[in-house]
Amino acid sequence: MQTHIVPVGFDYDRLIAPLVRDRVTVDRVVLLEGAVGSEANVEYSRNLGGKLEQDFENLLGAETERYSVEDVYDYDAAFAQAFDLINEELDAGNEVWVNVSSMPRVVSFAFATAAHSIAVERAEDRDRVHTYYTAPEKYLETELAEELRAGADLLADLLDDVDDERVRERLDAARDLLAEFDERGTTIGAKEFGGSHIVELPVASFSNVKPFEELILFTLGEHGEFESVSDLAETLARELGEEYTDSFRSKVIYNVDRLGPGGKGYVEQEEQGKSYRTRLSRIGELWVHSHTAERFDGD
């Protein structure tokens, strides 16, 4: 079964037209709609989602489900949601196609990175995980701006004959909007979320995680940060019920190095005298977050 996971933003054609035109097999579609933003934006996205649901079913005969993305600027939550959705489809024996053409870039990057991470972890299923993008034939922003400019010229001509306050207000509003468009383009300002104006987009690892490396990552996720690798090794030995020996400590050091910046990138280390303060990197935090439920289910 071919499943397409489609985050919905403000696009319609890019999410369905290429599949219809290329006669792609689509058995199942998962539509994700943003639940945060202005009321008008959320409503617009939901309306598009409804239209896409109908057309995926009518034009492609696909079973369609709609889900909500609670916060389109929460990278961690989007990554975890993508990780769960893709794994569920793979577990059901389906081939998964992730469309990253629409939705805010935070969500698109989170879904693309999650798909990449899963392809690394599930090497045997790598050929069943796909991420794709469709470019638009044209953008409407410039055409809308030109139409607004023509409308403003028409309103200015009307004011030569009729002194109407409503016409003057519409003309002023149109000219103000056009001035902002000409100066700034299609967006204004930089939005703050989570106490910052920047969302880091971590890079997925190119290597799978071994069982002992998993223990290290989960231990770092549970305890946060260790003053040294020795402290981490002592904690691991205690929790595993093993004797803390030089051999065990060396094993932890070796695996932390493999997980560090020169290896898989899941662990960060900061030199502090003769020790190294050890903690999870951003992609390490995402790995732990997305695997925690799976770990407890396995237990």
Protein backbone atom coordinates (compact mmCIF):
# COMPACT_ATOMS: atom_id res chain seq x y z
CA MET A 1 0.00 0.00 0.00
CA GLN A 2 1.28 3.47 -0.92
CA THR A 3 0.78 6.02 1.88
CA HIS A 4 1.39 9.74 1.34
CA ILE A 5 1.92 11.92 4.40
CA VAL A 6 1.05 15.49 3.44
CA PRO A 7 1.47 18.52 5.74
CA VAL A 8 -1.07 21.11 4.50
CA GLY A 9 -0.19 24.80 4.38
CA PHE A 10 -1.65 27.27 1.89
CA ASP A 11 -1.11 25.22 -1.27
CA TYR A 12 -3.49 22.98 -3.16
CA ASP A 13 -2.00 22.14 -6.57
CA ARG A 14 1.44 21.13 -5.32
CA LEU A 15 -0.07 18.56 -2.96
CA ILE A 16 -2.23 16.66 -5.42
CA ALA A 17 -1.69 17.81 -9.03
CA PRO A 18 1.67 16.02 -9.58
CA LEU A 19 0.20 12.76 -8.27
CA VAL A 20 -2.75 13.02 -10.65
CA ARG A 21 -0.67 14.11 -13.64
CA ASP A 22 2.03 11.46 -13.12
CA ARG A 23 -0.61 8.81 -12.37
CA VAL A 24 1.04 7.94 -9.08
CA THR A 25 -0.54 5.15 -7.05
CA VAL A 26 -1.97 6.61 -3.83
CA ASP A 27 -3.83 4.19 -1.58
CA ARG A 28 -3.83 6.17 1.64
CA VAL A 29 -3.27 9.83 2.54
CA VAL A 30 -2.52 11.39 5.92
CA LEU A 31 -3.24 15.15 5.87
CA LEU A 32 -1.76 17.32 8.64
CA GLU A 33 -3.19 20.77 9.31
CA GLY A 34 -1.73 23.54 11.44
CA ALA A 35 -3.71 24.47 14.54
CA VAL A 36 -1.69 27.58 15.49
CA GLY A 37 -1.66 30.98 13.80
CA SER A 38 -4.20 33.64 12.98
CA GLU A 39 -7.81 32.49 12.93
CA ALA A 40 -7.98 33.27 9.21
CA ASN A 41 -4.85 31.21 8.43
CA VAL A 42 -6.03 28.20 10.44
CA GLU A 43 -9.46 28.34 8.81
CA TYR A 44 -7.92 28.66 5.35
CA SER A 45 -5.70 25.62 5.97
CA ARG A 46 -8.65 23.59 7.23
CA ASN A 47 -10.72 24.50 4.18
CA LEU A 48 -7.88 23.39 1.91
CA GLY A 49 -7.59 20.19 3.94
CA GLY A 50 -11.27 19.49 3.39
CA LYS A 51 -10.96 20.06 -0.35
CA LEU A 52 -7.85 17.88 -0.54
CA GLU A 53 -9.61 15.12 1.41
CA GLN A 54 -12.47 15.08 -1.08
CA ASP A 55 -10.24 15.22 -4.14
CA PHE A 56 -7.77 12.58 -2.94
CA GLU A 57 -10.75 10.28 -2.47
CA ASN A 58 -12.62 11.25 -5.68
CA LEU A 59 -9.67 11.63 -8.07
CA LEU A 60 -7.27 8.99 -6.72
CA GLY A 61 -9.56 6.70 -4.76
CA ALA A 62 -7.39 7.12 -1.66
CA GLU A 63 -8.45 6.49 1.92
CA THR A 64 -7.82 9.80 3.70
CA GLU A 65 -7.28 10.81 7.33
CA ARG A 66 -6.77 14.30 8.75
CA TYR A 67 -4.62 15.13 11.78
CA SER A 68 -3.68 18.36 13.52
CA VAL A 69 -0.19 19.78 14.05
CA GLU A 70 -0.67 21.63 17.34
CA ASP A 71 2.22 24.08 16.91
CA VAL A 72 3.78 24.54 13.48
CA TYR A 73 6.84 26.19 15.10
CA ASP A 74 7.56 23.37 17.56
CA TYR A 75 10.27 21.38 15.75
CA ASP A 76 10.58 18.71 18.45
CA ALA A 77 6.86 17.94 18.49
CA ALA A 78 6.66 17.88 14.67
CA PHE A 79 9.67 15.55 14.50
CA ALA A 80 8.13 13.18 17.06
CA GLN A 81 4.77 13.22 15.26
CA ALA A 82 6.45 12.48 11.93
CA PHE A 83 8.58 9.74 13.51
CA ASP A 84 5.50 8.01 14.91
CA LEU A 85 3.41 8.36 11.75
CA ILE A 86 6.10 7.04 9.42
CA ASN A 87 6.97 4.12 11.70
CA GLU A 88 3.30 3.18 12.06
CA GLU A 89 2.89 3.06 8.28
CA LEU A 90 6.06 1.00 7.83
CA ASP A 91 4.97 -1.39 10.60
CA ALA A 92 1.70 -1.86 8.72
CA GLY A 93 3.68 -2.92 5.65
CA ASN A 94 3.09 0.29 3.70
CA GLU A 95 5.45 2.29 1.50
CA VAL A 96 5.65 5.89 2.75
CA TRP A 97 5.94 9.09 0.70
CA VAL A 98 6.40 12.37 2.63
CA ASN A 99 5.46 15.55 0.75
CA VAL A 100 7.42 18.55 2.09
CA SER A 101 6.16 21.10 -0.46
CA SER A 102 3.81 22.97 1.85
CA MET A 103 3.34 23.83 5.56
CA PRO A 104 5.81 26.14 7.39
CA ARG A 105 9.43 25.14 6.86
CA VAL A 106 9.84 24.05 10.48
CA VAL A 107 7.33 21.25 9.92
CA SER A 108 8.69 20.39 6.47
CA PHE A 109 12.26 20.08 7.76
CA ALA A 110 11.11 18.10 10.80
CA PHE A 111 9.26 15.60 8.62
CA ALA A 112 12.14 15.33 6.15
CA THR A 113 14.68 14.77 8.94
CA ALA A 114 12.43 12.21 10.64
CA ALA A 115 12.07 10.31 7.35
CA HIS A 116 15.85 10.39 6.90
CA SER A 117 16.46 9.19 10.48
CA ILE A 118 14.04 6.29 10.09
CA ALA A 119 15.64 5.28 6.79
CA VAL A 120 18.97 5.08 8.64
CA GLU A 121 17.56 3.15 11.59
CA ARG A 122 15.50 0.74 9.52
CA ALA A 123 18.01 -0.09 6.80
CA GLU A 124 15.90 -3.03 5.67
CA ASP A 125 13.00 -0.62 4.97
CA ARG A 126 15.07 2.17 3.41
CA ASP A 127 13.57 1.62 -0.04
CA ARG A 128 10.07 2.11 1.42
CA VAL A 129 10.71 5.63 2.76
CA HIS A 130 10.61 8.57 0.34
CA THR A 131 10.65 12.36 0.77
CA TYR A 132 9.60 14.53 -2.16
CA TYR A 133 9.02 18.16 -3.14
CA THR A 134 7.04 19.78 -5.95
CA ALA A 135 7.89 23.24 -7.31
CA PRO A 136 5.02 25.57 -8.29
CA GLU A 137 4.55 26.63 -11.90
CA LYS A 138 4.12 30.21 -10.70
CA TYR A 139 3.72 32.25 -7.54
CA LEU A 140 0.60 34.37 -7.03
CA GLU A 141 2.11 37.03 -4.73
CA THR A 142 3.49 39.23 -7.52
CA GLU A 143 0.30 38.90 -9.57
CA LEU A 144 -1.78 39.87 -6.53
CA ALA A 145 0.48 42.87 -5.94
CA GLU A 146 0.11 44.01 -9.57
CA GLU A 147 -3.67 43.67 -9.39
CA LEU A 148 -3.67 45.66 -6.16
CA ARG A 149 -1.50 48.30 -7.84
CA ALA A 150 -3.94 48.54 -10.75
CA GLY A 151 -6.83 48.79 -8.28
CA ALA A 152 -5.06 51.60 -6.41
CA ASP A 153 -4.60 53.51 -9.70
CA LEU A 154 -8.31 53.09 -10.42
CA LEU A 155 -9.23 54.40 -6.96
CA ALA A 156 -6.94 57.40 -7.49
CA ASP A 157 -8.72 58.17 -10.78
CA LEU A 158 -12.09 57.92 -9.04
CA LEU A 159 -11.01 60.47 -6.44
CA ASP A 160 -10.39 62.96 -9.22
CA ASP A 161 -14.13 62.92 -9.91
CA VAL A 162 -15.67 61.93 -6.57
CA ASP A 163 -14.39 62.94 -3.14
CA ASP A 164 -15.45 59.86 -1.19
CA GLU A 165 -13.89 59.09 2.21
CA ARG A 166 -14.35 55.33 1.78
CA VAL A 167 -12.51 55.40 -1.54
CA ARG A 168 -9.71 57.46 0.04
CA GLU A 169 -9.38 54.96 2.94
CA ARG A 170 -9.20 52.02 0.51
CA LEU A 171 -6.60 53.83 -1.59
CA ASP A 172 -4.45 54.66 1.42
CA ALA A 173 -4.63 51.09 2.71
CA ALA A 174 -3.72 49.69 -0.71
CA ARG A 175 -0.76 52.06 -1.09
CA ASP A 176 0.52 51.27 2.43
CA LEU A 177 0.36 47.54 1.73
CA LEU A 178 2.10 47.93 -1.63
CA ALA A 179 4.83 50.05 -0.03
CA GLU A 180 5.49 47.27 2.51
CA PHE A 181 5.46 44.65 -0.24
CA ASP A 182 7.92 46.62 -2.37
CA GLU A 183 10.22 47.21 0.61
CA ARG A 184 10.05 43.84 2.41
CA GLY A 185 8.70 41.24 0.02
CA THR A 186 6.01 38.74 1.02
CA THR A 187 6.72 38.62 4.77
CA ILE A 188 7.31 41.11 7.59
CA GLY A 189 9.46 40.82 10.70
CA ALA A 190 10.78 37.77 12.55
CA LYS A 191 8.44 35.86 14.85
CA GLU A 192 9.58 34.92 18.35
CA PHE A 193 8.65 31.49 19.69
CA GLY A 194 10.07 29.56 22.60
CA GLY A 195 12.08 32.58 23.72
CA SER A 196 14.04 32.82 20.48
CA HIS A 197 13.68 34.04 16.91
CA ILE A 198 15.63 31.05 15.60
CA VAL A 199 14.65 27.37 15.40
CA GLU A 200 17.65 25.08 14.98
CA LEU A 201 17.10 22.39 12.36
CA PRO A 202 19.33 19.46 13.42
CA VAL A 203 20.96 17.20 10.86
CA ALA A 204 20.07 13.51 11.04
CA SER A 205 22.76 10.96 11.79
CA PHE A 206 24.10 8.79 8.98
CA SER A 207 24.66 5.78 11.27
CA ASN A 208 22.40 3.48 13.23
CA VAL A 209 22.53 3.38 17.04
CA LYS A 210 23.88 0.26 18.74
CA PRO A 211 22.26 -1.19 21.92
CA PHE A 212 24.92 0.08 24.36
CA GLU A 213 24.86 3.48 22.66
CA GLU A 214 21.09 3.51 23.22
CA LEU A 215 21.67 3.01 26.97
CA ILE A 216 24.03 5.98 27.02
CA LEU A 217 21.56 8.20 25.16
CA PHE A 218 18.63 7.26 27.40
CA THR A 219 20.78 7.83 30.50
CA LEU A 220 21.78 11.28 29.26
CA GLY A 221 18.14 11.98 28.45
CA GLU A 222 17.07 10.98 31.97
CA HIS A 223 19.81 12.77 33.92
CA GLY A 224 20.48 15.71 31.62
CA GLU A 225 24.18 16.43 31.90
CA PHE A 226 27.22 14.81 33.51
CA GLU A 227 30.27 16.65 34.76
CA SER A 228 32.50 13.98 33.24
CA VAL A 229 32.37 10.74 31.27
CA SER A 230 33.47 8.96 34.46
CA ASP A 231 30.35 10.21 36.25
CA LEU A 232 28.27 8.93 33.34
CA ALA A 233 30.06 5.55 33.47
CA GLU A 234 29.47 5.25 37.23
CA THR A 235 25.77 5.96 36.78
CA LEU A 236 25.47 3.43 33.97
CA ALA A 237 27.27 0.75 35.99
CA ARG A 238 25.01 1.38 38.98
CA GLU A 239 21.82 1.26 36.92
CA LEU A 240 22.94 -1.86 35.06
CA GLY A 241 24.03 -3.55 38.29
CA GLU A 242 27.57 -3.98 36.96
CA GLU A 243 30.89 -3.43 38.70
CA TYR A 244 32.50 -0.10 37.88
CA THR A 245 35.91 -1.08 36.48
CA ASP A 246 38.50 0.54 34.23
CA SER A 247 37.32 -1.77 31.49
CA PHE A 248 33.70 -0.63 31.86
CA ARG A 249 34.79 3.03 31.98
CA SER A 250 36.84 2.57 28.79
CA LYS A 251 33.82 1.00 27.11
CA VAL A 252 31.68 4.05 27.99
CA ILE A 253 34.38 6.47 26.80
CA TYR A 254 34.69 4.60 23.50
CA ASN A 255 30.93 4.66 22.88
CA VAL A 256 30.56 8.30 23.91
CA ASP A 257 33.28 9.15 21.37
CA ARG A 258 31.32 7.27 18.71
CA LEU A 259 28.21 9.27 19.64
CA GLY A 260 30.06 12.59 19.76
CA PRO A 261 30.68 15.36 17.20
CA GLY A 262 33.31 13.32 15.38
CA GLY A 263 30.93 10.37 15.11
CA LYS A 264 27.14 10.24 15.05
CA GLY A 265 26.55 13.69 16.49
CA TYR A 266 24.09 12.67 19.23
CA VAL A 267 26.32 13.83 22.12
CA GLU A 268 28.07 17.13 22.86
CA GLN A 269 31.13 17.47 25.08
CA GLU A 270 32.63 20.59 26.64
CA GLU A 271 36.19 20.48 27.94
CA GLN A 272 36.40 21.35 31.64
CA GLY A 273 39.92 20.94 32.98
CA LYS A 274 40.83 17.29 32.53
CA SER A 275 37.18 16.24 32.22
CA TYR A 276 34.51 16.62 29.58
CA ARG A 277 31.04 17.84 30.50
CA THR A 278 28.75 15.50 28.55
CA ARG A 279 25.19 16.06 27.33
CA LEU A 280 22.86 15.34 24.43
CA SER A 281 23.04 17.42 21.26
CA ARG A 282 19.83 18.72 19.68
CA ILE A 283 19.54 15.72 17.36
CA GLY A 284 20.34 13.51 20.37
CA GLU A 285 17.46 15.09 22.31
CA LEU A 286 15.16 14.43 19.36
CA TRP A 287 16.33 10.82 19.15
CA VAL A 288 15.62 10.22 22.85
CA HIS A 289 12.28 12.04 22.68
CA SER A 290 11.10 10.05 19.67
CA HIS A 291 12.27 6.68 21.07
CA THR A 292 11.14 7.02 24.69
CA ALA A 293 7.59 5.73 24.18
CA GLU A 294 8.94 2.91 22.01
CA ARG A 295 11.38 1.95 24.76
CA PHE A 296 8.70 1.72 27.44
CA ASP A 297 6.37 -0.18 25.10
CA GLY A 298 9.17 -2.66 24.54
CA ASP A 299 9.60 -3.08 28.30
